[in-house]
PDB file of N, CA and C in Angstrom:
ATOM      1  N   MET A   1       0.850  -1.180   0.000  1.00  0.00           N
ATOM      2  CA  MET A   1       0.000   0.000   0.000  1.00  0.00           C
ATOM      3  C   MET A   1       0.888   1.232   0.000  1.00  0.00           C
ATOM      4  N   ASN A   2       0.486   2.251  -0.724  1.00  0.00           N
ATOM      5  CA  ASN A   2       1.249   3.484  -0.800  1.00  0.00           C
ATOM      6  C   ASN A   2       0.837   4.399   0.340  1.00  0.00           C
ATOM      7  N   THR A   3       1.636   4.450   1.393  1.00  0.00           N
ATOM      8  CA  THR A   3       1.318   5.236   2.573  1.00  0.00           C
ATOM      9  C   THR A   3       1.292   6.714   2.250  1.00  0.00           C
ATOM     10  N   GLN A   4       2.182   7.173   1.391  1.00  0.00           N
ATOM     11  CA  GLN A   4       2.262   8.590   1.063  1.00  0.00           C
ATOM     12  C   GLN A   4       0.957   9.091   0.453  1.00  0.00           C
ATOM     13  N   SER A   5       0.387   8.354  -0.498  1.00  0.00           N
ATOM     14  CA  SER A   5      -0.865   8.803  -1.092  1.00  0.00           C
ATOM     15  C   SER A   5      -2.006   8.716  -0.088  1.00  0.00           C
ATOM     16  N   THR A   6      -1.945   7.763   0.826  1.00  0.00           N
ATOM     17  CA  THR A   6      -2.971   7.650   1.860  1.00  0.00           C
ATOM     18  C   THR A   6      -2.948   8.878   2.756  1.00  0.00           C
ATOM     19  N   LEU A   7      -1.761   9.341   3.139  1.00  0.00           N
ATOM     20  CA  LEU A   7      -1.660  10.501   4.003  1.00  0.00           C
ATOM     21  C   LEU A   7      -2.150  11.760   3.298  1.00  0.00           C
ATOM     22  N   LYS A   8      -1.884  11.887   2.018  1.00  0.00           N
ATOM     23  CA  LYS A   8      -2.282  13.088   1.282  1.00  0.00           C
ATOM     24  C   LYS A   8      -3.782  13.139   1.049  1.00  0.00           C
ATOM     25  N   THR A   9      -4.387  12.012   0.705  1.00  0.00           N
ATOM     26  CA  THR A   9      -5.791  12.022   0.335  1.00  0.00           C
ATOM     27  C   THR A   9      -6.714  11.606   1.475  1.00  0.00           C
ATOM     28  N   GLY A  10      -6.189  10.866   2.445  1.00  0.00           N
ATOM     29  CA  GLY A  10      -7.013  10.404   3.546  1.00  0.00           C
ATOM     30  C   GLY A  10      -7.752   9.120   3.238  1.00  0.00           C
ATOM     31  N   THR A  11      -7.551   8.577   2.041  1.00  0.00           N
ATOM     32  CA  THR A  11      -8.182   7.317   1.683  1.00  0.00           C
ATOM     33  C   THR A  11      -7.160   6.428   1.012  1.00  0.00           C
ATOM     34  N   ALA A  12      -7.422   5.167   1.003  1.00  0.00           N
ATOM     35  CA  ALA A  12      -6.556   4.216   0.324  1.00  0.00           C
ATOM     36  C   ALA A  12      -7.429   3.296  -0.502  1.00  0.00           C
ATOM     37  N   SER A  13      -6.888   2.818  -1.596  1.00  0.00           N
ATOM     38  CA  SER A  13      -7.667   1.881  -2.395  1.00  0.00           C
ATOM     39  C   SER A  13      -7.636   0.525  -1.706  1.00  0.00           C
ATOM     40  N   ALA A  14      -8.793  -0.065  -1.571  1.00  0.00           N
ATOM     41  CA  ALA A  14      -8.888  -1.363  -0.910  1.00  0.00           C
ATOM     42  C   ALA A  14      -8.696  -2.461  -1.943  1.00  0.00           C
ATOM     43  N   SER A  15      -7.967  -3.462  -1.565  1.00  0.00           N
ATOM     44  CA  SER A  15      -7.781  -4.625  -2.416  1.00  0.00           C
ATOM     45  C   SER A  15      -8.346  -5.822  -1.662  1.00  0.00           C
ATOM     46  N   PRO A  16      -8.478  -6.958  -2.316  1.00  0.00           N
ATOM     47  CA  PRO A  16      -9.014  -8.134  -1.613  1.00  0.00           C
ATOM     48  C   PRO A  16      -8.202  -8.532  -0.380  1.00  0.00           C
ATOM     49  N   THR A  17      -6.903  -8.197  -0.358  1.00  0.00           N
ATOM     50  CA  THR A  17      -6.072  -8.591   0.780  1.00  0.00           C
ATOM     51  C   THR A  17      -5.928  -7.487   1.811  1.00  0.00           C
ATOM     52  N   GLU A  18      -6.306  -6.246   1.473  1.00  0.00           N
ATOM     53  CA  GLU A  18      -6.182  -5.128   2.403  1.00  0.00           C
ATOM     54  C   GLU A  18      -7.560  -4.589   2.768  1.00  0.00           C
ATOM     55  N   PRO A  19      -7.809  -4.360   4.057  1.00  0.00           N
ATOM     56  CA  PRO A  19      -9.092  -3.754   4.431  1.00  0.00           C
ATOM     57  C   PRO A  19      -9.125  -2.282   4.016  1.00  0.00           C
ATOM     58  N   ALA A  20     -10.306  -1.730   3.832  1.00  0.00           N
ATOM     59  CA  ALA A  20     -10.449  -0.318   3.495  1.00  0.00           C
ATOM     60  C   ALA A  20      -9.991   0.527   4.681  1.00  0.00           C
ATOM     61  N   VAL A  21      -9.404   1.676   4.383  1.00  0.00           N
ATOM     62  CA  VAL A  21      -8.923   2.580   5.421  1.00  0.00           C
ATOM     63  C   VAL A  21      -9.878   3.772   5.493  1.00  0.00           C
ATOM     64  N   ALA A  22     -10.346   4.077   6.688  1.00  0.00           N
ATOM     65  CA  ALA A  22     -11.247   5.212   6.877  1.00  0.00           C
ATOM     66  C   ALA A  22     -10.465   6.514   6.788  1.00  0.00           C
ATOM     67  N   ALA A  23     -11.127   7.566   6.369  1.00  0.00           N
ATOM     68  CA  ALA A  23     -10.510   8.885   6.293  1.00  0.00           C
ATOM     69  C   ALA A  23     -10.166   9.366   7.704  1.00  0.00           C
ATOM     70  N   PRO A  24      -9.114  10.158   7.842  1.00  0.00           N
ATOM     71  CA  PRO A  24      -8.750  10.687   9.164  1.00  0.00           C
ATOM     72  C   PRO A  24      -9.872  11.548   9.747  1.00  0.00           C
ATOM     73  N   LEU A  25      -9.971  11.549  11.074  1.00  0.00           N
ATOM     74  CA  LEU A  25     -10.949  12.381  11.761  1.00  0.00           C
ATOM     75  C   LEU A  25     -10.258  13.627  12.283  1.00  0.00           C
ATOM     76  N   ASN A  26     -10.912  14.756  12.147  1.00  0.00           N
ATOM     77  CA  ASN A  26     -10.385  16.013  12.646  1.00  0.00           C
ATOM     78  C   ASN A  26     -10.864  16.205  14.081  1.00  0.00           C
ATOM     79  N   THR A  27      -9.998  16.704  14.951  1.00  0.00           N
ATOM     80  CA  THR A  27     -10.394  16.903  16.344  1.00  0.00           C
ATOM     81  C   THR A  27     -11.510  17.931  16.470  1.00  0.00           C
ATOM     82  N   LYS A  28     -11.648  18.832  15.503  1.00  0.00           N
ATOM     83  CA  LYS A  28     -12.755  19.792  15.548  1.00  0.00           C
ATOM     84  C   LYS A  28     -14.085  19.080  15.362  1.00  0.00           C
ATOM     85  N   THR A  29     -14.061  17.934  14.676  1.00  0.00           N
ATOM     86  CA  THR A  29     -15.260  17.118  14.514  1.00  0.00           C
ATOM     87  C   THR A  29     -15.499  16.276  15.767  1.00  0.00           C
ATOM     88  N   LEU A  30     -14.435  15.744  16.335  1.00  0.00           N
ATOM     89  CA  LEU A  30     -14.559  14.896  17.525  1.00  0.00           C
ATOM     90  C   LEU A  30     -14.918  15.684  18.774  1.00  0.00           C
ATOM     91  N   PHE A  31     -14.441  16.911  18.868  1.00  0.00           N
ATOM     92  CA  PHE A  31     -14.649  17.745  20.051  1.00  0.00           C
ATOM     93  C   PHE A  31     -15.396  19.021  19.648  1.00  0.00           C
ATOM     94  N   PRO A  32     -16.704  18.909  19.407  1.00  0.00           N
ATOM     95  CA  PRO A  32     -17.461  20.087  18.958  1.00  0.00           C
ATOM     96  C   PRO A  32     -17.682  21.114  20.074  1.00  0.00           C
ATOM     97  N   LEU A  33     -17.862  22.345  19.671  1.00  0.00           N
ATOM     98  CA  LEU A  33     -18.221  23.449  20.571  1.00  0.00           C
ATOM     99  C   LEU A  33     -17.271  23.602  21.759  1.00  0.00           C
ATOM    100  N   GLY A  34     -15.996  23.411  21.531  1.00  0.00           N
ATOM    101  CA  GLY A  34     -15.020  23.648  22.587  1.00  0.00           C
ATOM    102  C   GLY A  34     -14.911  22.564  23.636  1.00  0.00           C
ATOM    103  N   SER A  35     -15.589  21.424  23.443  1.00  0.00           N
ATOM    104  CA  SER A  35     -15.450  20.346  24.420  1.00  0.00           C
ATOM    105  C   SER A  35     -14.019  19.819  24.376  1.00  0.00           C
ATOM    106  N   ARG A  36     -13.568  19.258  25.480  1.00  0.00           N
ATOM    107  CA  ARG A  36     -12.182  18.797  25.567  1.00  0.00           C
ATOM    108  C   ARG A  36     -12.068  17.324  25.934  1.00  0.00           C
ATOM    109  N   GLU A  37     -13.207  16.635  26.041  1.00  0.00           N
ATOM    110  CA  GLU A  37     -13.172  15.226  26.428  1.00  0.00           C
ATOM    111  C   GLU A  37     -14.296  14.455  25.747  1.00  0.00           C
ATOM    112  N   ARG A  38     -13.965  13.211  25.324  1.00  0.00           N
ATOM    113  CA  ARG A  38     -14.956  12.305  24.737  1.00  0.00           C
ATOM    114  C   ARG A  38     -14.770  10.938  25.354  1.00  0.00           C
ATOM    115  N   THR A  39     -15.840  10.163  25.413  1.00  0.00           N
ATOM    116  CA  THR A  39     -15.776   8.786  25.880  1.00  0.00           C
ATOM    117  C   THR A  39     -15.873   7.882  24.665  1.00  0.00           C
ATOM    118  N   ILE A  40     -14.973   6.906  24.603  1.00  0.00           N
ATOM    119  CA  ILE A  40     -14.946   5.935  23.513  1.00  0.00           C
ATOM    120  C   ILE A  40     -15.135   4.562  24.126  1.00  0.00           C
ATOM    121  N   VAL A  41     -16.001   3.747  23.553  1.00  0.00           N
ATOM    122  CA  VAL A  41     -16.218   2.381  24.034  1.00  0.00           C
ATOM    123  C   VAL A  41     -15.595   1.422  23.031  1.00  0.00           C
ATOM    124  N   HIS A  42     -14.719   0.559  23.528  1.00  0.00           N
ATOM    125  CA  HIS A  42     -14.060  -0.458  22.708  1.00  0.00           C
ATOM    126  C   HIS A  42     -14.113  -1.773  23.462  1.00  0.00           C
ATOM    127  N   ASP A  43     -14.701  -2.792  22.841  1.00  0.00           N
ATOM    128  CA  ASP A  43     -14.850  -4.103  23.488  1.00  0.00           C
ATOM    129  C   ASP A  43     -15.456  -3.983  24.879  1.00  0.00           C
ATOM    130  N   ASN A  44     -16.530  -3.215  24.986  1.00  0.00           N
ATOM    131  CA  ASN A  44     -17.264  -3.012  26.245  1.00  0.00           C
ATOM    132  C   ASN A  44     -16.439  -2.349  27.343  1.00  0.00           C
ATOM    133  N   THR A  45     -15.362  -1.684  26.989  1.00  0.00           N
ATOM    134  CA  THR A  45     -14.550  -0.940  27.949  1.00  0.00           C
ATOM    135  C   THR A  45     -14.570   0.526  27.555  1.00  0.00           C
ATOM    136  N   GLU A  46     -14.788   1.395  28.542  1.00  0.00           N
ATOM    137  CA  GLU A  46     -14.812   2.829  28.269  1.00  0.00           C
ATOM    138  C   GLU A  46     -13.416   3.425  28.396  1.00  0.00           C
ATOM    139  N   TYR A  47     -13.085   4.291  27.440  1.00  0.00           N
ATOM    140  CA  TYR A  47     -11.832   5.033  27.437  1.00  0.00           C
ATOM    141  C   TYR A  47     -12.170   6.510  27.340  1.00  0.00           C
ATOM    142  N   ARG A  48     -11.319   7.352  27.900  1.00  0.00           N
ATOM    143  CA  ARG A  48     -11.499   8.798  27.799  1.00  0.00           C
ATOM    144  C   ARG A  48     -10.432   9.365  26.883  1.00  0.00           C
ATOM    145  N   LEU A  49     -10.849  10.112  25.879  1.00  0.00           N
ATOM    146  CA  LEU A  49      -9.937  10.827  24.996  1.00  0.00           C
ATOM    147  C   LEU A  49     -10.103  12.295  25.318  1.00  0.00           C
ATOM    148  N   ARG A  50      -9.007  12.930  25.727  1.00  0.00           N
ATOM    149  CA  ARG A  50      -9.132  14.332  26.091  1.00  0.00           C
ATOM    150  C   ARG A  50      -7.976  15.158  25.544  1.00  0.00           C
ATOM    151  N   ILE A  51      -8.238  16.440  25.406  1.00  0.00           N
ATOM    152  CA  ILE A  51      -7.236  17.398  24.955  1.00  0.00           C
ATOM    153  C   ILE A  51      -6.652  18.052  26.204  1.00  0.00           C
ATOM    154  N   THR A  52      -5.336  18.029  26.338  1.00  0.00           N
ATOM    155  CA  THR A  52      -4.677  18.606  27.502  1.00  0.00           C
ATOM    156  C   THR A  52      -4.577  20.125  27.341  1.00  0.00           C
ATOM    157  N   ALA A  53      -4.135  20.787  28.396  1.00  0.00           N
ATOM    158  CA  ALA A  53      -3.931  22.243  28.364  1.00  0.00           C
ATOM    159  C   ALA A  53      -2.863  22.626  27.342  1.00  0.00           C
ATOM    160  N   GLN A  54      -1.947  21.684  27.051  1.00  0.00           N
ATOM    161  CA  GLN A  54      -0.894  21.927  26.064  1.00  0.00           C
ATOM    162  C   GLN A  54      -1.346  21.573  24.642  1.00  0.00           C
ATOM    163  N   GLY A  55      -2.607  21.122  24.490  1.00  0.00           N
ATOM    164  CA  GLY A  55      -3.141  20.805  23.175  1.00  0.00           C
ATOM    165  C   GLY A  55      -2.816  19.414  22.682  1.00  0.00           C
ATOM    166  N   LYS A  56      -2.368  18.538  23.563  1.00  0.00           N
ATOM    167  CA  LYS A  56      -2.058  17.162  23.180  1.00  0.00           C
ATOM    168  C   LYS A  56      -3.238  16.262  23.494  1.00  0.00           C
ATOM    169  N   LEU A  57      -3.277  15.099  22.844  1.00  0.00           N
ATOM    170  CA  LEU A  57      -4.350  14.119  23.086  1.00  0.00           C
ATOM    171  C   LEU A  57      -3.870  13.049  24.044  1.00  0.00           C
ATOM    172  N   ILE A  58      -4.723  12.715  25.014  1.00  0.00           N
ATOM    173  CA  ILE A  58      -4.435  11.671  25.986  1.00  0.00           C
ATOM    174  C   ILE A  58      -5.602  10.681  25.958  1.00  0.00           C
ATOM    175  N   LEU A  59      -5.297   9.395  25.837  1.00  0.00           N
ATOM    176  CA  LEU A  59      -6.299   8.340  25.896  1.00  0.00           C
ATOM    177  C   LEU A  59      -6.059   7.548  27.169  1.00  0.00           C
ATOM    178  N   THR A  60      -7.076   7.502  28.051  1.00  0.00           N
ATOM    179  CA  THR A  60      -6.935   6.758  29.306  1.00  0.00           C
ATOM    180  C   THR A  60      -8.080   5.779  29.465  1.00  0.00           C
ATOM    181  N   LYS A  61      -7.814   4.728  30.196  1.00  0.00           N
ATOM    182  CA  LYS A  61      -8.817   3.687  30.443  1.00  0.00           C
ATOM    183  C   LYS A  61      -9.636   4.053  31.653  1.00  0.00           C
TER     184      LYS A  61
END
């Protein structure tokens, strides 16, 4: 797979041996209206994704 074209376009061509790749998500979409924390559920476990005061992302269980 051509990683460079995937990074530029946000999509990759799917082949029978490679799963389709979803387009990147923008944090402005994930954290609307100035929110700084979201809850993500994976395999029935909740995780917190938050933006720190320094603007970094932290994922905690």
